[in-house]
N, C-alpha and C. Protein backbone atom coordinates (compact mmCIF):
# COMPACT_ATOMS: atom_id res chain seq x y z
N UNK A 1 -35.82 10.34 -19.15
CA UNK A 1 -35.13 9.59 -18.53
C UNK A 1 -33.99 10.37 -17.37
N UNK A 2 -33.53 11.57 -18.59
CA UNK A 2 -32.54 12.21 -17.34
C UNK A 2 -33.44 12.57 -16.11
N UNK A 3 -34.50 13.05 -16.31
CA UNK A 3 -35.26 13.47 -14.73
C UNK A 3 -35.60 12.35 -14.07
N UNK A 4 -36.05 11.16 -14.29
CA UNK A 4 -35.95 10.19 -13.39
C UNK A 4 -34.68 9.58 -12.83
N UNK A 5 -33.63 10.16 -13.62
CA UNK A 5 -32.06 9.75 -12.85
C UNK A 5 -31.92 10.69 -11.97
N UNK A 6 -32.06 11.91 -12.33
CA UNK A 6 -31.59 12.72 -11.24
C UNK A 6 -32.68 12.59 -10.21
N UNK A 7 -33.76 12.01 -9.96
CA UNK A 7 -34.75 11.68 -8.85
C UNK A 7 -34.41 10.54 -7.98
N UNK A 8 -33.70 9.88 -8.83
CA UNK A 8 -33.13 8.42 -8.16
C UNK A 8 -31.86 8.16 -7.87
N UNK A 9 -30.94 9.13 -7.90
CA UNK A 9 -29.75 9.11 -7.76
C UNK A 9 -29.44 9.50 -6.62
N UNK A 10 -28.29 9.19 -5.64
CA UNK A 10 -27.85 9.52 -4.38
C UNK A 10 -26.45 9.89 -4.42
N UNK A 11 -26.10 11.08 -3.33
CA UNK A 11 -24.72 11.39 -2.72
C UNK A 11 -24.25 10.32 -1.71
N UNK A 12 -23.35 10.77 -0.95
CA UNK A 12 -22.54 10.16 0.12
C UNK A 12 -23.40 9.93 1.28
N UNK A 13 -23.71 11.77 1.44
CA UNK A 13 -24.52 11.82 2.59
C UNK A 13 -26.55 11.26 2.54
N UNK A 14 -26.98 10.86 1.77
CA UNK A 14 -27.74 10.46 1.52
C UNK A 14 -28.21 9.46 2.33
N UNK A 15 -29.59 9.52 2.61
CA UNK A 15 -29.92 7.85 3.13
C UNK A 15 -30.72 7.30 2.03
N UNK A 16 -30.50 6.24 2.00
CA UNK A 16 -31.51 5.06 0.89
C UNK A 16 -31.49 3.44 1.89
N UNK A 17 -32.79 3.05 1.34
CA UNK A 17 -33.09 1.55 1.87
C UNK A 17 -32.24 0.27 1.20
N UNK A 18 -31.01 0.34 1.92
CA UNK A 18 -30.30 -0.53 1.52
C UNK A 18 -29.79 -1.50 2.34
N UNK A 19 -30.07 -1.29 3.73
CA UNK A 19 -29.95 -2.28 4.70
C UNK A 19 -30.48 -3.17 5.16
N UNK A 20 -30.46 -4.56 4.77
CA UNK A 20 -30.88 -5.87 4.99
C UNK A 20 -30.86 -6.37 6.07
N UNK A 21 -31.48 -5.87 7.33
CA UNK A 21 -31.25 -5.92 8.44
C UNK A 21 -31.41 -7.78 9.34
N UNK A 22 -33.07 -8.11 8.14
CA UNK A 22 -32.88 -9.18 8.67
C UNK A 22 -32.66 -10.12 7.72
N UNK A 23 -31.39 -9.95 7.30
CA UNK A 23 -30.96 -10.76 5.88
C UNK A 23 -30.67 -12.17 6.80
N UNK A 24 -30.79 -13.15 5.87
CA UNK A 24 -30.80 -14.41 6.60
C UNK A 24 -29.80 -15.30 5.65
N UNK A 25 -28.82 -14.63 4.93
CA UNK A 25 -27.65 -15.11 4.18
C UNK A 25 -28.45 -15.91 2.80
N UNK A 26 -29.56 -15.76 2.28
CA UNK A 26 -29.67 -16.44 1.49
C UNK A 26 -28.52 -16.56 0.06
N UNK A 27 -27.70 -15.34 -0.13
CA UNK A 27 -26.60 -15.63 -0.82
C UNK A 27 -27.01 -15.50 -2.28
N UNK A 28 -28.54 -14.97 -2.51
CA UNK A 28 -28.91 -15.25 -4.05
C UNK A 28 -28.31 -14.12 -4.80
N UNK A 29 -27.37 -12.92 -4.15
CA UNK A 29 -26.81 -12.01 -4.45
C UNK A 29 -25.05 -12.39 -4.88
N UNK A 30 -25.09 -13.87 -4.55
CA UNK A 30 -23.38 -14.00 -4.48
C UNK A 30 -23.62 -15.19 -5.84
N UNK A 31 -24.59 -15.51 -6.46
CA UNK A 31 -24.51 -16.48 -7.57
C UNK A 31 -25.41 -15.59 -9.08
N UNK A 32 -25.15 -16.57 -9.82
CA UNK A 32 -25.90 -16.02 -11.19
C UNK A 32 -25.64 -14.88 -11.77
N UNK A 33 -24.23 -14.33 -11.26
CA UNK A 33 -24.03 -13.01 -11.50
C UNK A 33 -23.32 -12.71 -13.06
N UNK A 34 -22.88 -14.11 -13.42
CA UNK A 34 -22.41 -13.57 -14.86
C UNK A 34 -21.02 -13.09 -15.00
N UNK A 35 -20.63 -12.39 -15.97
CA UNK A 35 -19.39 -11.27 -15.75
C UNK A 35 -19.45 -10.29 -15.24
N UNK A 36 -21.05 -9.66 -14.47
CA UNK A 36 -20.98 -8.44 -14.02
C UNK A 36 -20.20 -8.09 -13.04
N UNK A 37 -19.58 -8.46 -12.29
CA UNK A 37 -18.80 -7.87 -10.99
C UNK A 37 -17.74 -7.64 -11.87
N UNK A 38 -17.18 -6.63 -12.16
CA UNK A 38 -16.00 -6.45 -12.93
C UNK A 38 -15.10 -5.72 -11.64
N UNK A 39 -13.65 -5.94 -11.80
CA UNK A 39 -12.86 -5.81 -10.64
C UNK A 39 -12.26 -4.63 -11.24
N UNK A 40 -11.73 -3.47 -10.15
CA UNK A 40 -10.82 -2.57 -10.85
C UNK A 40 -9.30 -2.96 -10.05
N UNK A 41 -8.55 -2.20 -10.14
CA UNK A 41 -7.06 -2.19 -9.75
C UNK A 41 -6.76 -2.52 -7.88
N UNK A 42 -7.94 -1.64 -7.52
CA UNK A 42 -8.00 -1.78 -6.05
C UNK A 42 -8.79 -3.20 -5.25
N UNK A 43 -9.40 -3.54 -6.15
CA UNK A 43 -10.07 -4.89 -5.93
C UNK A 43 -9.08 -6.38 -5.86
N UNK A 44 -8.66 -6.09 -7.13
CA UNK A 44 -7.34 -7.04 -7.16
C UNK A 44 -6.45 -7.16 -5.98
N UNK A 45 -6.05 -5.51 -5.92
CA UNK A 45 -4.75 -5.49 -5.17
C UNK A 45 -5.21 -5.91 -3.53
N UNK A 46 -6.16 -5.65 -2.56
CA UNK A 46 -6.52 -6.15 -2.02
C UNK A 46 -6.87 -7.56 -1.86
N UNK A 47 -7.27 -8.26 -3.05
CA UNK A 47 -7.00 -9.90 -2.75
C UNK A 47 -5.44 -10.41 -2.87
N UNK A 48 -5.03 -9.87 -3.53
CA UNK A 48 -3.86 -10.48 -3.25
C UNK A 48 -3.15 -9.94 -2.11
N UNK A 49 -2.97 -9.12 -1.64
CA UNK A 49 -2.69 -8.66 -0.31
C UNK A 49 -3.00 -9.78 0.89
N UNK A 50 -4.59 -9.67 0.85
CA UNK A 50 -5.27 -10.53 1.87
C UNK A 50 -5.12 -12.07 1.69
N UNK A 51 -4.86 -12.44 0.39
CA UNK A 51 -4.88 -13.67 0.40
C UNK A 51 -3.32 -14.29 -0.04
N UNK A 52 -2.68 -13.51 -0.52
CA UNK A 52 -1.34 -14.16 -0.61
C UNK A 52 -1.07 -14.60 -1.94
N UNK A 53 -1.98 -14.16 -3.02
CA UNK A 53 -1.96 -14.93 -4.09
C UNK A 53 -1.58 -13.82 -5.23
N UNK A 54 -1.02 -14.31 -6.14
CA UNK A 54 -0.70 -13.13 -7.44
C UNK A 54 -1.74 -13.20 -8.40
N UNK A 55 -1.70 -12.08 -9.27
CA UNK A 55 -2.86 -12.51 -10.36
C UNK A 55 -3.21 -13.19 -10.81
N UNK A 56 -2.24 -13.78 -11.66
CA UNK A 56 -2.16 -15.17 -12.33
C UNK A 56 -2.49 -16.49 -11.32
N UNK A 57 -2.22 -16.34 -10.43
CA UNK A 57 -3.04 -17.28 -9.27
C UNK A 57 -4.53 -17.24 -9.20
N UNK A 58 -4.97 -16.04 -8.88
CA UNK A 58 -6.02 -15.69 -8.94
C UNK A 58 -7.25 -16.44 -9.94
N UNK A 59 -6.14 -15.99 -11.55
CA UNK A 59 -7.17 -16.29 -12.67
C UNK A 59 -7.55 -17.38 -12.69
N UNK A 60 -6.60 -18.76 -11.83
CA UNK A 60 -6.77 -20.08 -12.06
C UNK A 60 -7.97 -20.50 -11.39
N UNK A 61 -8.52 -19.63 -10.44
CA UNK A 61 -9.50 -20.51 -9.73
C UNK A 61 -10.91 -19.27 -9.38
N UNK A 62 -10.36 -18.34 -9.32
CA UNK A 62 -11.45 -17.31 -8.64
C UNK A 62 -11.87 -16.42 -9.55
N UNK A 63 -10.87 -15.44 -10.44
CA UNK A 63 -10.97 -14.39 -11.54
C UNK A 63 -10.99 -14.97 -12.68
N UNK A 64 -11.75 -14.27 -13.78
CA UNK A 64 -11.49 -14.69 -15.28
C UNK A 64 -11.48 -13.26 -16.10
N UNK A 65 -11.24 -13.36 -17.17
CA UNK A 65 -10.87 -11.71 -18.19
C UNK A 65 -11.97 -11.86 -19.20
N UNK A 66 -12.60 -11.10 -19.27
CA UNK A 66 -13.93 -10.52 -20.02
C UNK A 66 -13.22 -9.34 -21.22
N UNK A 67 -13.96 -9.09 -21.99
CA UNK A 67 -14.01 -8.40 -23.25
C UNK A 67 -15.01 -7.50 -22.90
N UNK A 68 -14.70 -6.28 -22.72
CA UNK A 68 -16.22 -5.22 -23.05
C UNK A 68 -15.36 -3.78 -23.91
N UNK A 69 -16.08 -3.73 -24.96
CA UNK A 69 -15.66 -2.52 -25.73
C UNK A 69 -14.31 -2.82 -25.97
N UNK A 70 -13.74 -4.18 -26.04
CA UNK A 70 -12.66 -3.98 -26.53
C UNK A 70 -11.58 -4.24 -25.79
N UNK A 71 -11.91 -3.69 -24.45
CA UNK A 71 -11.09 -3.60 -23.38
C UNK A 71 -10.94 -4.93 -22.38
N UNK A 72 -9.99 -5.52 -22.08
CA UNK A 72 -9.92 -6.75 -21.23
C UNK A 72 -9.68 -6.30 -20.00
N UNK A 73 -10.60 -6.85 -19.06
CA UNK A 73 -10.48 -6.62 -17.58
C UNK A 73 -10.99 -7.81 -17.19
N UNK A 74 -10.51 -7.95 -15.63
CA UNK A 74 -11.05 -9.35 -14.54
C UNK A 74 -12.45 -9.08 -14.03
N UNK A 75 -13.02 -10.15 -13.69
CA UNK A 75 -14.18 -9.74 -12.64
C UNK A 75 -14.29 -11.28 -12.20
N UNK A 76 -15.05 -11.49 -11.18
CA UNK A 76 -15.41 -12.42 -10.28
C UNK A 76 -15.76 -13.53 -11.03
N UNK A 77 -14.97 -14.92 -10.71
CA UNK A 77 -15.88 -16.08 -11.34
C UNK A 77 -17.01 -16.83 -11.12
N UNK A 78 -18.31 -17.26 -11.71
CA UNK A 78 -18.87 -17.94 -10.73
C UNK A 78 -18.87 -19.39 -11.34
N UNK A 79 -18.88 -20.11 -10.48
CA UNK A 79 -18.85 -21.43 -10.90
C UNK A 79 -19.79 -22.40 -10.28
N UNK A 80 -19.94 -23.75 -10.92
CA UNK A 80 -20.63 -24.75 -10.41
C UNK A 80 -22.05 -25.02 -10.34
N UNK A 81 -22.63 -25.94 -10.26
CA UNK A 81 -24.10 -25.89 -10.50
C UNK A 81 -24.74 -24.49 -10.39
N UNK A 82 -24.80 -23.94 -9.47
CA UNK A 82 -25.67 -22.70 -9.00
C UNK A 82 -24.80 -21.53 -9.54
N UNK A 83 -23.99 -21.76 -10.14
CA UNK A 83 -23.04 -20.84 -10.84
C UNK A 83 -22.79 -19.67 -9.39
N UNK A 84 -22.23 -19.59 -8.42
CA UNK A 84 -21.78 -19.20 -7.39
C UNK A 84 -20.80 -18.52 -7.57
N UNK A 85 -20.44 -17.45 -6.69
CA UNK A 85 -19.10 -16.88 -6.67
C UNK A 85 -18.32 -17.83 -6.20
N UNK A 86 -16.64 -17.89 -6.73
CA UNK A 86 -15.91 -18.94 -6.46
C UNK A 86 -15.26 -18.72 -4.84
N UNK A 87 -15.81 -17.51 -4.27
CA UNK A 87 -15.38 -17.23 -2.93
C UNK A 87 -16.42 -17.42 -1.77
N UNK A 88 -17.40 -17.89 -2.46
CA UNK A 88 -18.68 -18.69 -1.43
C UNK A 88 -18.23 -19.61 -1.05
N UNK A 89 -18.11 -19.75 0.60
CA UNK A 89 -17.96 -20.78 1.28
C UNK A 89 -18.82 -21.78 1.52
N UNK A 90 -18.93 -23.16 2.06
CA UNK A 90 -19.81 -24.07 1.90
C UNK A 90 -20.96 -23.87 3.01
N UNK A 91 -21.13 -22.93 3.87
CA UNK A 91 -22.06 -21.88 4.30
C UNK A 91 -22.76 -20.96 3.74
N UNK A 92 -22.38 -20.93 2.53
CA UNK A 92 -22.92 -19.83 1.68
C UNK A 92 -22.75 -18.85 2.57
N UNK A 93 -21.75 -18.12 2.89
CA UNK A 93 -20.82 -16.82 3.32
C UNK A 93 -19.86 -16.40 2.42
N UNK A 94 -19.52 -15.28 2.65
CA UNK A 94 -18.64 -14.82 1.54
C UNK A 94 -16.84 -15.20 2.29
N UNK A 95 -16.08 -15.72 1.81
CA UNK A 95 -14.85 -15.97 2.44
C UNK A 95 -14.12 -14.87 2.69
N UNK A 96 -14.38 -13.45 1.49
CA UNK A 96 -13.36 -12.50 1.62
C UNK A 96 -14.28 -11.46 2.25
N UNK A 97 -15.29 -11.10 2.68
CA UNK A 97 -16.14 -10.25 3.35
C UNK A 97 -15.67 -8.94 3.30
N UNK A 98 -14.33 -9.13 4.58
CA UNK A 98 -13.58 -7.91 5.03
C UNK A 98 -12.89 -6.99 3.80
N UNK A 99 -12.59 -7.70 2.85
CA UNK A 99 -11.54 -7.39 1.67
C UNK A 99 -12.82 -7.71 0.34
N UNK A 100 -13.85 -7.45 0.30
CA UNK A 100 -14.57 -7.77 -0.79
C UNK A 100 -14.39 -7.03 -1.63
N UNK A 101 -14.61 -6.87 -2.98
CA UNK A 101 -14.46 -5.87 -3.98
C UNK A 101 -15.41 -4.52 -4.22
N UNK A 102 -15.29 -3.56 -4.52
CA UNK A 102 -16.12 -2.59 -4.29
C UNK A 102 -17.82 -2.81 -4.82
N UNK A 103 -17.81 -3.56 -5.73
CA UNK A 103 -19.14 -3.67 -6.42
C UNK A 103 -19.96 -4.34 -5.48
N UNK A 104 -19.27 -5.65 -4.67
CA UNK A 104 -20.08 -5.98 -3.46
C UNK A 104 -20.55 -5.40 -2.39
N UNK A 105 -19.51 -4.14 -1.77
CA UNK A 105 -19.89 -3.69 -1.03
C UNK A 105 -21.27 -2.59 -1.50
N UNK A 106 -20.81 -2.38 -2.61
CA UNK A 106 -22.02 -1.17 -2.84
C UNK A 106 -23.25 -1.64 -2.95
N UNK A 107 -23.72 -3.13 -3.64
CA UNK A 107 -24.90 -3.97 -3.51
C UNK A 107 -25.95 -3.59 -2.36
N UNK A 108 -26.96 -3.72 -2.43
CA UNK A 108 -27.86 -3.47 -3.69
C UNK A 108 -27.95 -1.82 -4.72
N UNK A 109 -27.01 -1.46 -4.70
CA UNK A 109 -26.96 0.20 -5.07
C UNK A 109 -25.67 -0.22 -6.06
N UNK A 110 -26.16 0.75 -7.30
CA UNK A 110 -25.13 0.93 -8.18
C UNK A 110 -24.60 1.79 -8.33
N UNK A 111 -23.57 2.03 -9.24
CA UNK A 111 -22.72 3.47 -9.22
C UNK A 111 -23.22 4.39 -11.05
N UNK A 112 -23.10 5.49 -10.81
CA UNK A 112 -23.41 6.03 -12.16
C UNK A 112 -22.57 7.12 -12.32
N UNK A 113 -21.77 7.16 -13.09
CA UNK A 113 -20.86 8.08 -13.57
C UNK A 113 -21.37 9.25 -14.61
N UNK A 114 -21.46 10.50 -14.01
CA UNK A 114 -21.82 11.50 -15.15
C UNK A 114 -21.15 12.59 -14.79
N UNK A 115 -20.69 13.36 -15.93
CA UNK A 115 -19.90 14.96 -16.01
C UNK A 115 -19.12 14.70 -14.82
N UNK A 116 -17.98 13.84 -14.82
CA UNK A 116 -16.95 13.46 -13.91
C UNK A 116 -17.33 13.40 -12.34
N UNK A 117 -18.41 12.96 -12.16
CA UNK A 117 -19.44 12.64 -10.89
C UNK A 117 -19.39 11.71 -10.35
N UNK A 118 -19.53 10.89 -9.45
CA UNK A 118 -20.29 9.57 -9.11
C UNK A 118 -21.07 9.44 -8.06
N UNK A 119 -22.32 8.86 -8.73
CA UNK A 119 -23.54 9.02 -7.32
C UNK A 119 -24.11 7.53 -7.51
N UNK A 120 -25.08 7.36 -6.75
CA UNK A 120 -25.56 5.88 -6.58
C UNK A 120 -26.95 5.80 -6.83
N UNK A 121 -27.57 4.44 -7.37
CA UNK A 121 -28.90 4.49 -7.27
C UNK A 121 -29.05 2.83 -6.99
N UNK A 122 -30.43 2.95 -6.37
CA UNK A 122 -31.01 1.27 -5.98
C UNK A 122 -30.90 0.46 -7.29
N UNK A 123 -30.63 -0.69 -7.14
CA UNK A 123 -30.86 -1.41 -8.41
C UNK A 123 -32.21 -2.05 -8.11
N UNK A 124 -33.19 -1.87 -8.91
CA UNK A 124 -34.75 -2.50 -8.68
C UNK A 124 -34.70 -4.09 -8.47
N UNK A 125 -35.18 -4.40 -7.60
CA UNK A 125 -35.48 -6.41 -7.54
C UNK A 125 -33.93 -6.82 -7.36
N UNK A 126 -32.95 -6.23 -6.71
CA UNK A 126 -31.60 -6.83 -6.68
C UNK A 126 -31.73 -7.57 -5.71
N UNK A 127 -32.37 -7.10 -4.44
CA UNK A 127 -32.22 -7.94 -3.18
C UNK A 127 -33.30 -8.45 -2.65
N UNK A 128 -33.44 -9.90 -2.12
CA UNK A 128 -34.64 -10.43 -2.19
C UNK A 128 -35.12 -10.46 -1.37
N UNK A 129 -34.57 -9.31 0.34
CA UNK A 129 -35.07 -9.01 1.33
C UNK A 129 -36.06 -7.87 1.12
N UNK A 130 -37.27 -7.57 1.39
CA UNK A 130 -38.28 -6.78 1.12
C UNK A 130 -38.06 -5.21 1.88
N UNK A 131 -38.20 -5.65 3.28
CA UNK A 131 -38.17 -4.73 4.54
C UNK A 131 -36.77 -4.43 4.91
N UNK A 132 -35.90 -3.38 3.88
CA UNK A 132 -34.71 -2.78 4.01
C UNK A 132 -35.03 -1.59 5.03
N UNK A 133 -34.02 -1.10 5.58
CA UNK A 133 -33.87 0.13 6.61
C UNK A 133 -33.14 0.99 5.92
N UNK A 134 -33.15 2.24 6.07
CA UNK A 134 -32.42 3.37 5.73
C UNK A 134 -31.09 3.63 6.09
N UNK A 135 -30.14 3.81 5.22
CA UNK A 135 -28.90 3.86 5.80
C UNK A 135 -28.15 5.12 5.05
N UNK A 136 -26.98 5.69 5.46
CA UNK A 136 -26.53 6.74 4.81
C UNK A 136 -25.49 5.93 3.85
N UNK A 137 -25.43 6.66 2.60
CA UNK A 137 -24.68 5.75 1.71
C UNK A 137 -22.64 5.62 2.13
N UNK A 138 -22.73 6.61 2.12
CA UNK A 138 -21.02 6.74 2.98
C UNK A 138 -20.60 5.85 3.99
N UNK A 139 -21.95 5.47 5.16
CA UNK A 139 -21.46 4.49 5.94
C UNK A 139 -21.74 2.73 5.27
N UNK A 140 -22.82 2.86 4.27
CA UNK A 140 -22.92 1.81 3.80
C UNK A 140 -22.18 1.41 2.77
N UNK A 141 -20.99 1.84 2.05
CA UNK A 141 -19.83 1.43 1.47
C UNK A 141 -18.95 0.90 2.16
N UNK A 142 -18.57 1.45 3.38
CA UNK A 142 -17.80 0.77 4.78
C UNK A 142 -16.45 0.43 4.00
N UNK A 143 -16.07 1.96 3.63
CA UNK A 143 -14.57 1.88 2.24
C UNK A 143 -13.66 3.26 3.09
N UNK A 144 -12.49 2.67 3.58
CA UNK A 144 -11.48 3.65 4.03
C UNK A 144 -11.11 4.79 3.12
N UNK A 145 -10.81 5.76 3.72
CA UNK A 145 -10.10 6.85 2.94
C UNK A 145 -11.59 7.01 1.70
N UNK A 146 -12.69 7.19 1.98
CA UNK A 146 -13.59 7.31 1.21
C UNK A 146 -13.64 8.16 -0.04
N UNK A 147 -13.47 9.69 0.49
CA UNK A 147 -13.18 10.42 -0.63
C UNK A 147 -12.29 10.66 -1.54
N UNK A 148 -11.31 9.91 -1.13
CA UNK A 148 -9.88 9.39 -2.07
C UNK A 148 -10.66 8.44 -2.86
N UNK A 149 -11.10 7.45 -2.28
CA UNK A 149 -12.07 6.11 -3.18
C UNK A 149 -12.95 6.57 -3.99
N UNK A 150 -13.30 7.58 -3.96
CA UNK A 150 -14.40 8.04 -4.91
C UNK A 150 -13.66 8.81 -6.14
N UNK A 151 -12.69 9.75 -5.93
CA UNK A 151 -12.13 9.86 -6.78
C UNK A 151 -11.14 8.98 -7.78
N UNK A 152 -11.09 8.20 -7.08
CA UNK A 152 -9.89 7.30 -7.64
C UNK A 152 -10.82 6.59 -8.65
N UNK A 153 -11.94 6.00 -8.12
CA UNK A 153 -13.36 5.23 -9.04
C UNK A 153 -13.68 6.10 -10.22
N UNK A 154 -13.36 7.59 -9.99
CA UNK A 154 -14.32 8.64 -11.28
C UNK A 154 -13.13 8.76 -12.03
N UNK A 155 -11.56 8.49 -11.50
CA UNK A 155 -10.40 8.42 -12.48
C UNK A 155 -10.17 7.42 -13.02
N UNK A 156 -10.36 5.94 -12.54
CA UNK A 156 -10.64 4.74 -13.12
C UNK A 156 -11.50 4.65 -14.15
N UNK A 157 -12.72 5.00 -14.05
CA UNK A 157 -13.80 5.04 -14.86
C UNK A 157 -13.36 5.99 -16.35
N UNK A 158 -13.27 6.98 -16.04
CA UNK A 158 -12.34 8.15 -16.86
C UNK A 158 -11.05 7.13 -18.16
N UNK A 159 -10.64 6.93 -17.35
CA UNK A 159 -9.24 6.32 -18.11
C UNK A 159 -9.82 5.13 -18.64
N UNK A 160 -10.72 4.10 -18.35
CA UNK A 160 -11.32 3.07 -18.72
C UNK A 160 -11.95 3.58 -20.26
N UNK A 161 -12.66 4.66 -19.99
CA UNK A 161 -13.68 5.13 -21.30
C UNK A 161 -12.95 5.51 -22.29
N UNK A 162 -11.28 6.17 -21.65
CA UNK A 162 -10.72 6.93 -22.70
C UNK A 162 -10.00 5.65 -23.65
N UNK A 163 -9.84 4.27 -23.10
CA UNK A 163 -8.73 3.32 -23.34
C UNK A 163 -9.95 2.69 -24.43
N UNK A 164 -11.49 2.61 -24.02
CA UNK A 164 -12.27 2.07 -24.90
C UNK A 164 -12.31 2.65 -26.37
N UNK A 165 -12.34 3.64 -25.95
CA UNK A 165 -12.59 4.95 -27.37
C UNK A 165 -11.06 4.77 -28.32
N UNK A 166 -9.87 4.59 -27.45
CA UNK A 166 -8.49 4.53 -28.20
C UNK A 166 -8.73 3.33 -29.00
N UNK A 167 -9.41 2.22 -28.17
CA UNK A 167 -9.08 0.67 -28.80
C UNK A 167 -10.45 0.84 -30.08
N UNK A 168 -11.66 1.66 -30.11
CA UNK A 168 -12.32 1.75 -31.07
C UNK A 168 -11.75 2.36 -32.30
N UNK A 169 -10.78 3.25 -32.33
CA UNK A 169 -10.08 3.69 -33.31
C UNK A 169 -8.81 2.89 -33.93
N UNK A 170 -8.58 2.11 -33.28
CA UNK A 170 -7.70 0.80 -33.59
C UNK A 170 -8.13 0.28 -35.19
N UNK A 171 -7.25 -0.16 -35.69
CA UNK A 171 -7.47 -1.20 -37.10
C UNK A 171 -7.14 -1.99 -36.95
N UNK A 172 -5.44 -2.43 -35.88
CA UNK A 172 -4.54 -3.65 -36.25
C UNK A 172 -4.93 -4.01 -34.89
N UNK A 173 -5.08 -5.77 -35.00
CA UNK A 173 -5.28 -6.34 -33.63
C UNK A 173 -3.98 -6.57 -32.99
N UNK A 174 -2.85 -6.60 -33.23
CA UNK A 174 -1.76 -6.52 -32.75
C UNK A 174 -1.59 -5.23 -32.08
N UNK A 175 -1.99 -3.82 -32.30
CA UNK A 175 -2.09 -2.66 -31.52
C UNK A 175 -3.05 -3.02 -30.06
N UNK A 176 -4.19 -3.48 -30.86
CA UNK A 176 -5.08 -3.80 -29.54
C UNK A 176 -4.61 -4.52 -28.74
N UNK A 177 -4.34 -5.54 -29.03
CA UNK A 177 -3.54 -6.87 -27.87
C UNK A 177 -2.41 -6.32 -27.08
N UNK A 178 -1.55 -5.48 -27.60
CA UNK A 178 -0.34 -4.50 -27.18
C UNK A 178 -1.03 -3.75 -26.11
N UNK A 179 -2.07 -3.10 -26.27
CA UNK A 179 -2.23 -1.92 -25.16
C UNK A 179 -3.01 -2.80 -24.12
N UNK A 180 -4.03 -3.89 -24.19
CA UNK A 180 -4.84 -4.54 -23.29
C UNK A 180 -3.93 -5.03 -22.53
N UNK A 181 -2.16 -5.86 -23.07
CA UNK A 181 -1.39 -6.47 -22.28
C UNK A 181 -0.67 -5.62 -21.53
N UNK A 182 -0.70 -4.35 -21.90
CA UNK A 182 0.34 -3.21 -21.21
C UNK A 182 -0.81 -2.68 -19.92
N UNK A 183 -1.87 -2.68 -19.88
CA UNK A 183 -3.19 -2.37 -19.08
C UNK A 183 -3.06 -3.72 -18.08
N UNK A 184 -3.09 -4.43 -18.27
CA UNK A 184 -3.44 -5.58 -17.52
C UNK A 184 -2.41 -5.66 -16.44
N UNK A 185 -0.87 -5.86 -17.37
CA UNK A 185 0.40 -5.62 -16.46
C UNK A 185 0.54 -4.44 -15.68
N UNK A 186 -0.01 -3.26 -16.34
CA UNK A 186 0.57 -2.44 -15.28
C UNK A 186 -0.70 -2.27 -13.72
N UNK A 187 -1.65 -2.51 -14.55
CA UNK A 187 -2.73 -2.31 -12.93
C UNK A 187 -2.86 -3.34 -12.25
N UNK A 188 -2.93 -4.75 -12.92
CA UNK A 188 -3.05 -5.87 -12.37
C UNK A 188 -2.10 -7.03 -12.11
N UNK A 189 -1.30 -7.51 -12.90
CA UNK A 189 -0.03 -8.06 -12.76
C UNK A 189 0.72 -7.68 -11.80
N UNK A 190 1.15 -6.57 -12.41
CA UNK A 190 2.50 -6.23 -11.42
C UNK A 190 1.60 -5.81 -10.00
N UNK A 191 2.72 -6.44 -8.89
CA UNK A 191 2.29 -6.32 -7.82
C UNK A 191 2.52 -4.89 -6.94
N UNK A 192 1.46 -4.39 -6.06
CA UNK A 192 1.33 -3.42 -5.42
C UNK A 192 2.44 -3.77 -4.10
N UNK A 193 2.79 -2.54 -3.62
CA UNK A 193 3.93 -2.48 -2.31
C UNK A 193 2.89 -2.51 -1.08
N UNK A 194 2.81 -3.62 -0.59
CA UNK A 194 1.83 -3.69 0.78
C UNK A 194 2.08 -2.52 1.76
N UNK A 195 3.41 -2.01 1.50
CA UNK A 195 4.17 -1.00 2.67
C UNK A 195 3.78 0.47 2.31
N UNK A 196 3.25 0.63 1.10
CA UNK A 196 3.03 1.87 0.48
C UNK A 196 1.46 2.44 0.09
N UNK A 197 1.29 3.29 0.23
CA UNK A 197 -0.48 3.48 -0.17
C UNK A 197 -0.53 3.53 -1.50
N UNK A 198 -2.06 2.65 -1.82
CA UNK A 198 -2.48 2.05 -3.14
C UNK A 198 -2.74 3.27 -3.71
N UNK A 199 -3.36 3.99 -3.22
CA UNK A 199 -4.07 5.25 -4.43
C UNK A 199 -2.60 5.77 -4.89
N UNK A 200 -1.80 6.14 -4.03
CA UNK A 200 -0.57 6.76 -4.41
C UNK A 200 0.01 5.77 -5.77
N UNK A 201 0.12 4.61 -5.71
CA UNK A 201 1.03 3.94 -6.43
C UNK A 201 0.21 3.59 -7.99
N UNK A 202 -1.00 3.57 -7.75
CA UNK A 202 -2.37 3.83 -8.65
C UNK A 202 -2.23 4.91 -9.55
N UNK A 203 -2.07 6.01 -8.89
CA UNK A 203 -1.47 7.21 -9.92
C UNK A 203 -0.17 7.40 -10.26
N UNK A 204 0.76 6.61 -9.84
CA UNK A 204 1.86 6.62 -10.50
C UNK A 204 1.92 5.82 -12.02
N UNK A 205 1.23 4.50 -11.89
CA UNK A 205 0.91 3.76 -13.01
C UNK A 205 -0.04 4.45 -13.80
N UNK A 206 -0.96 4.95 -13.54
CA UNK A 206 -1.88 5.50 -14.57
C UNK A 206 -1.09 6.96 -15.72
N UNK A 207 -0.21 7.33 -14.88
CA UNK A 207 0.48 8.27 -15.45
C UNK A 207 1.96 7.70 -16.66
N UNK A 208 1.92 6.37 -16.77
CA UNK A 208 2.96 5.64 -17.23
C UNK A 208 2.14 4.83 -18.65
N UNK A 209 0.61 5.44 -18.84
CA UNK A 209 -0.23 4.72 -20.08
C UNK A 209 -0.18 5.71 -20.94
């Protein structure tokens, strides 16, 4: 498995068949995703900045909370008969495309964290378009401050794993609840200053946990 993984993972400068140039907007990738589109602090920050809504307001219609290995995190909400993303408009187009979450930008690629490094792999059968063209992963991600963003993702992932391990060692439900509430408050509920760099604010908060 390790050999297969090494052969099929890619870095930012690698070319991969991810671009669906003849995409007809079937939006199959925007529905039926369950709770899989988990959001990180940057995702939520950009939603609040661009929509002018607080985290609690987003939870009323667009986001929901899930528990993974004891850690409570937000994800995009799927709703309606087709279980479509709540940000999908009537024309079947993304209503937040310019500031869509990182996992949406990455699709049809997945993220692989290993040994403090971040790489990418193609999700088999994820996109309905068969004839995709090659594109450099760094360009495909379409993310400002890309290198800083990559380090942030690595650090956020490491923090998540650390908190999950900490929760697994706890025996008192009250302790688990307090830790989860602190994480939600510090990284998601508390607004980020739009006049300051997000990453600077993130690391300031990271050091308070």
